[in-house]
Amino acid sequence: MKIIVNGEPIETETPTLEALLVKLGKGDAKVATSLNETFVPNTRRAEQCLKDGDRVEIVAPRQGG
């Protein structure tokens, strides 16, 4: 399926948001996620299924100013 991650199209077969984070190397990272512009808490990522055309945003905190 084709989805958009942080504005970039990717092809993936990962079934859930949690699996996508693992595939992208962010499985243990402290990040915020949204799916189709709706916040998804980390406790719900494993049950959040992905489908063709979904838009995922992954945001990591940054230090500095």
PDB file of N, CA and C in Angstrom:
ATOM      1  N   MET A   1       0.839  -1.171   0.000  1.00  0.00           N
ATOM      2  CA  MET A   1       0.000   0.000   0.000  1.00  0.00           C
ATOM      3  C   MET A   1       0.886   1.236   0.000  1.00  0.00           C
ATOM      4  N   LYS A   2       0.338   2.325  -0.468  1.00  0.00           N
ATOM      5  CA  LYS A   2       1.057   3.593  -0.493  1.00  0.00           C
ATOM      6  C   LYS A   2       0.489   4.500   0.592  1.00  0.00           C
ATOM      7  N   ILE A   3       1.405   5.026   1.429  1.00  0.00           N
ATOM      8  CA  ILE A   3       1.012   5.981   2.451  1.00  0.00           C
ATOM      9  C   ILE A   3       1.968   7.176   2.394  1.00  0.00           C
ATOM     10  N   ILE A   4       1.634   8.223   3.105  1.00  0.00           N
ATOM     11  CA  ILE A   4       2.477   9.411   3.182  1.00  0.00           C
ATOM     12  C   ILE A   4       3.012   9.496   4.614  1.00  0.00           C
ATOM     13  N   VAL A   5       4.336   9.564   4.769  1.00  0.00           N
ATOM     14  CA  VAL A   5       4.964   9.696   6.084  1.00  0.00           C
ATOM     15  C   VAL A   5       5.754  10.994   6.101  1.00  0.00           C
ATOM     16  N   ASN A   6       5.343  11.910   6.962  1.00  0.00           N
ATOM     17  CA  ASN A   6       5.982  13.220   7.066  1.00  0.00           C
ATOM     18  C   ASN A   6       6.114  13.880   5.693  1.00  0.00           C
ATOM     19  N   GLY A   7       5.068  13.791   4.910  1.00  0.00           N
ATOM     20  CA  GLY A   7       5.024  14.443   3.607  1.00  0.00           C
ATOM     21  C   GLY A   7       5.655  13.680   2.459  1.00  0.00           C
ATOM     22  N   GLU A   8       6.258  12.529   2.753  1.00  0.00           N
ATOM     23  CA  GLU A   8       6.930  11.743   1.723  1.00  0.00           C
ATOM     24  C   GLU A   8       6.166  10.452   1.438  1.00  0.00           C
ATOM     25  N   PRO A   9       5.877  10.158   0.179  1.00  0.00           N
ATOM     26  CA  PRO A   9       5.191   8.906  -0.132  1.00  0.00           C
ATOM     27  C   PRO A   9       6.119   7.707   0.056  1.00  0.00           C
ATOM     28  N   ILE A  10       5.586   6.649   0.658  1.00  0.00           N
ATOM     29  CA  ILE A  10       6.347   5.405   0.785  1.00  0.00           C
ATOM     30  C   ILE A  10       5.423   4.234   0.462  1.00  0.00           C
ATOM     31  N   GLU A  11       6.033   3.137   0.122  1.00  0.00           N
ATOM     32  CA  GLU A  11       5.324   1.878  -0.129  1.00  0.00           C
ATOM     33  C   GLU A  11       5.623   0.972   1.056  1.00  0.00           C
ATOM     34  N   THR A  12       4.582   0.412   1.677  1.00  0.00           N
ATOM     35  CA  THR A  12       4.777  -0.441   2.848  1.00  0.00           C
ATOM     36  C   THR A  12       3.680  -1.489   2.944  1.00  0.00           C
ATOM     37  N   GLU A  13       3.977  -2.550   3.622  1.00  0.00           N
ATOM     38  CA  GLU A  13       2.974  -3.579   3.915  1.00  0.00           C
ATOM     39  C   GLU A  13       2.765  -3.715   5.417  1.00  0.00           C
ATOM     40  N   THR A  14       3.298  -2.774   6.201  1.00  0.00           N
ATOM     41  CA  THR A  14       3.134  -2.846   7.651  1.00  0.00           C
ATOM     42  C   THR A  14       1.664  -2.624   8.006  1.00  0.00           C
ATOM     43  N   PRO A  15       1.114  -3.481   8.861  1.00  0.00           N
ATOM     44  CA  PRO A  15      -0.322  -3.428   9.132  1.00  0.00           C
ATOM     45  C   PRO A  15      -0.753  -2.369  10.144  1.00  0.00           C
ATOM     46  N   THR A  16       0.187  -1.962  11.032  1.00  0.00           N
ATOM     47  CA  THR A  16      -0.197  -1.032  12.091  1.00  0.00           C
ATOM     48  C   THR A  16       0.797   0.123  12.194  1.00  0.00           C
ATOM     49  N   LEU A  17       0.383   1.146  12.901  1.00  0.00           N
ATOM     50  CA  LEU A  17       1.259   2.291  13.123  1.00  0.00           C
ATOM     51  C   LEU A  17       2.491   1.875  13.921  1.00  0.00           C
ATOM     52  N   GLU A  18       2.317   1.021  14.911  1.00  0.00           N
ATOM     53  CA  GLU A  18       3.451   0.540  15.705  1.00  0.00           C
ATOM     54  C   GLU A  18       4.450  -0.215  14.825  1.00  0.00           C
ATOM     55  N   ALA A  19       3.967  -1.077  13.953  1.00  0.00           N
ATOM     56  CA  ALA A  19       4.852  -1.828  13.053  1.00  0.00           C
ATOM     57  C   ALA A  19       5.592  -0.886  12.107  1.00  0.00           C
ATOM     58  N   LEU A  20       4.933   0.168  11.673  1.00  0.00           N
ATOM     59  CA  LEU A  20       5.582   1.153  10.800  1.00  0.00           C
ATOM     60  C   LEU A  20       6.724   1.840  11.537  1.00  0.00           C
ATOM     61  N   LEU A  21       6.491   2.234  12.781  1.00  0.00           N
ATOM     62  CA  LEU A  21       7.552   2.875  13.564  1.00  0.00           C
ATOM     63  C   LEU A  21       8.755   1.956  13.720  1.00  0.00           C
ATOM     64  N   VAL A  22       8.516   0.680  13.977  1.00  0.00           N
ATOM     65  CA  VAL A  22       9.610  -0.290  14.096  1.00  0.00           C
ATOM     66  C   VAL A  22      10.360  -0.388  12.772  1.00  0.00           C
ATOM     67  N   LYS A  23       9.634  -0.489  11.679  1.00  0.00           N
ATOM     68  CA  LYS A  23      10.262  -0.609  10.356  1.00  0.00           C
ATOM     69  C   LYS A  23      11.118   0.616  10.032  1.00  0.00           C
ATOM     70  N   LEU A  24      10.681   1.785  10.483  1.00  0.00           N
ATOM     71  CA  LEU A  24      11.409   3.025  10.207  1.00  0.00           C
ATOM     72  C   LEU A  24      12.523   3.291  11.224  1.00  0.00           C
ATOM     73  N   GLY A  25      12.730   2.344  12.168  1.00  0.00           N
ATOM     74  CA  GLY A  25      13.788   2.499  13.155  1.00  0.00           C
ATOM     75  C   GLY A  25      13.430   3.419  14.306  1.00  0.00           C
ATOM     76  N   LYS A  26      12.140   3.650  14.511  1.00  0.00           N
ATOM     77  CA  LYS A  26      11.694   4.542  15.576  1.00  0.00           C
ATOM     78  C   LYS A  26      10.850   3.816  16.616  1.00  0.00           C
ATOM     79  N   GLY A  27      10.989   2.502  16.690  1.00  0.00           N
ATOM     80  CA  GLY A  27      10.168   1.704  17.586  1.00  0.00           C
ATOM     81  C   GLY A  27      10.332   2.044  19.048  1.00  0.00           C
ATOM     82  N   ASP A  28      11.556   2.380  19.472  1.00  0.00           N
ATOM     83  CA  ASP A  28      11.810   2.705  20.873  1.00  0.00           C
ATOM     84  C   ASP A  28      11.966   4.207  21.107  1.00  0.00           C
ATOM     85  N   ALA A  29      11.829   4.988  20.069  1.00  0.00           N
ATOM     86  CA  ALA A  29      12.033   6.437  20.180  1.00  0.00           C
ATOM     87  C   ALA A  29      10.839   7.116  20.844  1.00  0.00           C
ATOM     88  N   LYS A  30      11.119   8.209  21.530  1.00  0.00           N
ATOM     89  CA  LYS A  30      10.069   9.045  22.119  1.00  0.00           C
ATOM     90  C   LYS A  30       9.575   9.981  21.025  1.00  0.00           C
ATOM     91  N   VAL A  31       8.453   9.628  20.415  1.00  0.00           N
ATOM     92  CA  VAL A  31       7.899  10.426  19.327  1.00  0.00           C
ATOM     93  C   VAL A  31       6.402  10.615  19.537  1.00  0.00           C
ATOM     94  N   ALA A  32       5.876  11.636  18.892  1.00  0.00           N
ATOM     95  CA  ALA A  32       4.431  11.841  18.826  1.00  0.00           C
ATOM     96  C   ALA A  32       3.991  11.414  17.437  1.00  0.00           C
ATOM     97  N   THR A  33       2.794  10.848  17.347  1.00  0.00           N
ATOM     98  CA  THR A  33       2.306  10.380  16.050  1.00  0.00           C
ATOM     99  C   THR A  33       0.888  10.876  15.789  1.00  0.00           C
ATOM    100  N   SER A  34       0.617  11.070  14.507  1.00  0.00           N
ATOM    101  CA  SER A  34      -0.753  11.354  14.099  1.00  0.00           C
ATOM    102  C   SER A  34      -1.050  10.559  12.841  1.00  0.00           C
ATOM    103  N   LEU A  35      -2.307  10.219  12.688  1.00  0.00           N
ATOM    104  CA  LEU A  35      -2.774   9.492  11.515  1.00  0.00           C
ATOM    105  C   LEU A  35      -3.936  10.270  10.933  1.00  0.00           C
ATOM    106  N   ASN A  36      -3.769  10.720   9.703  1.00  0.00           N
ATOM    107  CA  ASN A  36      -4.791  11.524   9.032  1.00  0.00           C
ATOM    108  C   ASN A  36      -5.205  12.711   9.893  1.00  0.00           C
ATOM    109  N   GLU A  37      -4.170  13.375  10.441  1.00  0.00           N
ATOM    110  CA  GLU A  37      -4.319  14.608  11.225  1.00  0.00           C
ATOM    111  C   GLU A  37      -5.000  14.413  12.574  1.00  0.00           C
ATOM    112  N   THR A  38      -5.028  13.175  13.084  1.00  0.00           N
ATOM    113  CA  THR A  38      -5.579  12.877  14.406  1.00  0.00           C
ATOM    114  C   THR A  38      -4.480  12.263  15.259  1.00  0.00           C
ATOM    115  N   PHE A  39      -4.236  12.868  16.429  1.00  0.00           N
ATOM    116  CA  PHE A  39      -3.205  12.381  17.343  1.00  0.00           C
ATOM    117  C   PHE A  39      -3.476  10.931  17.725  1.00  0.00           C
ATOM    118  N   VAL A  40      -2.419  10.106  17.726  1.00  0.00           N
ATOM    119  CA  VAL A  40      -2.515   8.707  18.148  1.00  0.00           C
ATOM    120  C   VAL A  40      -1.553   8.510  19.316  1.00  0.00           C
ATOM    121  N   PRO A  41      -2.067   8.300  20.538  1.00  0.00           N
ATOM    122  CA  PRO A  41      -1.171   8.082  21.679  1.00  0.00           C
ATOM    123  C   PRO A  41      -0.416   6.766  21.539  1.00  0.00           C
ATOM    124  N   ASN A  42       0.747   6.686  22.186  1.00  0.00           N
ATOM    125  CA  ASN A  42       1.565   5.477  22.039  1.00  0.00           C
ATOM    126  C   ASN A  42       0.846   4.224  22.524  1.00  0.00           C
ATOM    127  N   THR A  43      -0.105   4.345  23.419  1.00  0.00           N
ATOM    128  CA  THR A  43      -0.843   3.176  23.907  1.00  0.00           C
ATOM    129  C   THR A  43      -1.811   2.614  22.873  1.00  0.00           C
ATOM    130  N   ARG A  44      -2.072   3.347  21.792  1.00  0.00           N
ATOM    131  CA  ARG A  44      -3.014   2.880  20.768  1.00  0.00           C
ATOM    132  C   ARG A  44      -2.355   2.560  19.433  1.00  0.00           C
ATOM    133  N   ARG A  45      -1.059   2.721  19.338  1.00  0.00           N
ATOM    134  CA  ARG A  45      -0.370   2.501  18.054  1.00  0.00           C
ATOM    135  C   ARG A  45      -0.459   1.059  17.572  1.00  0.00           C
ATOM    136  N   ALA A  46      -0.413   0.101  18.482  1.00  0.00           N
ATOM    137  CA  ALA A  46      -0.447  -1.317  18.096  1.00  0.00           C
ATOM    138  C   ALA A  46      -1.787  -1.704  17.490  1.00  0.00           C
ATOM    139  N   GLU A  47      -2.844  -1.023  17.869  1.00  0.00           N
ATOM    140  CA  GLU A  47      -4.187  -1.349  17.356  1.00  0.00           C
ATOM    141  C   GLU A  47      -4.614  -0.435  16.210  1.00  0.00           C
ATOM    142  N   GLN A  48      -3.793   0.561  15.889  1.00  0.00           N
ATOM    143  CA  GLN A  48      -4.141   1.513  14.835  1.00  0.00           C
ATOM    144  C   GLN A  48      -3.723   0.957  13.478  1.00  0.00           C
ATOM    145  N   CYS A  49      -4.668   0.427  12.741  1.00  0.00           N
ATOM    146  CA  CYS A  49      -4.386  -0.159  11.428  1.00  0.00           C
ATOM    147  C   CYS A  49      -4.135   0.916  10.391  1.00  0.00           C
ATOM    148  N   LEU A  50      -3.260   0.595   9.445  1.00  0.00           N
ATOM    149  CA  LEU A  50      -2.967   1.494   8.329  1.00  0.00           C
ATOM    150  C   LEU A  50      -3.681   0.999   7.089  1.00  0.00           C
ATOM    151  N   LYS A  51      -4.047   1.955   6.223  1.00  0.00           N
ATOM    152  CA  LYS A  51      -4.650   1.588   4.942  1.00  0.00           C
ATOM    153  C   LYS A  51      -4.103   2.493   3.853  1.00  0.00           C
ATOM    154  N   ASP A  52      -4.275   2.070   2.630  1.00  0.00           N
ATOM    155  CA  ASP A  52      -3.775   2.802   1.477  1.00  0.00           C
ATOM    156  C   ASP A  52      -4.236   4.256   1.524  1.00  0.00           C
ATOM    157  N   GLY A  53      -3.297   5.178   1.314  1.00  0.00           N
ATOM    158  CA  GLY A  53      -3.614   6.598   1.268  1.00  0.00           C
ATOM    159  C   GLY A  53      -3.529   7.315   2.607  1.00  0.00           C
ATOM    160  N   ASP A  54      -3.254   6.589   3.697  1.00  0.00           N
ATOM    161  CA  ASP A  54      -3.153   7.236   5.006  1.00  0.00           C
ATOM    162  C   ASP A  54      -2.002   8.235   5.034  1.00  0.00           C
ATOM    163  N   ARG A  55      -2.171   9.254   5.890  1.00  0.00           N
ATOM    164  CA  ARG A  55      -1.137  10.263   6.102  1.00  0.00           C
ATOM    165  C   ARG A  55      -0.656  10.153   7.550  1.00  0.00           C
ATOM    166  N   VAL A  56       0.619   9.840   7.714  1.00  0.00           N
ATOM    167  CA  VAL A  56       1.222   9.658   9.041  1.00  0.00           C
ATOM    168  C   VAL A  56       2.221  10.774   9.280  1.00  0.00           C
ATOM    169  N   GLU A  57       2.174  11.345  10.478  1.00  0.00           N
ATOM    170  CA  GLU A  57       3.181  12.313  10.904  1.00  0.00           C
ATOM    171  C   GLU A  57       3.873  11.745  12.128  1.00  0.00           C
ATOM    172  N   ILE A  58       5.208  11.804  12.126  1.00  0.00           N
ATOM    173  CA  ILE A  58       6.016  11.343  13.248  1.00  0.00           C
ATOM    174  C   ILE A  58       6.903  12.523  13.663  1.00  0.00           C
ATOM    175  N   VAL A  59       6.737  12.953  14.914  1.00  0.00           N
ATOM    176  CA  VAL A  59       7.444  14.133  15.384  1.00  0.00           C
ATOM    177  C   VAL A  59       8.261  13.774  16.624  1.00  0.00           C
ATOM    178  N   ALA A  60       9.550  14.096  16.597  1.00  0.00           N
ATOM    179  CA  ALA A  60      10.427  13.841  17.734  1.00  0.00           C
ATOM    180  C   ALA A  60      10.773  15.179  18.404  1.00  0.00           C
ATOM    181  N   PRO A  61      10.859  15.188  19.738  1.00  0.00           N
ATOM    182  CA  PRO A  61      11.243  16.424  20.425  1.00  0.00           C
ATOM    183  C   PRO A  61      12.689  16.779  20.104  1.00  0.00           C
ATOM    184  N   ARG A  62      12.954  18.087  20.102  1.00  0.00           N
ATOM    185  CA  ARG A  62      14.305  18.557  19.814  1.00  0.00           C
ATOM    186  C   ARG A  62      14.701  19.573  20.868  1.00  0.00           C
ATOM    187  N   GLN A  63      15.975  19.587  21.178  1.00  0.00           N
ATOM    188  CA  GLN A  63      16.487  20.560  22.127  1.00  0.00           C
ATOM    189  C   GLN A  63      17.077  21.733  21.385  1.00  0.00           C
ATOM    190  N   GLY A  64      17.181  22.820  22.070  1.00  0.00           N
ATOM    191  CA  GLY A  64      17.802  24.000  21.475  1.00  0.00           C
ATOM    192  C   GLY A  64      16.807  25.130  21.390  1.00  0.00           C
ATOM    193  N   GLY A  65      17.201  26.187  20.828  1.00  0.00           N
ATOM    194  CA  GLY A  65      16.264  27.286  20.758  1.00  0.00           C
ATOM    195  C   GLY A  65      16.820  28.394  20.047  1.00  0.00           C
TER     196      GLY A  65
END
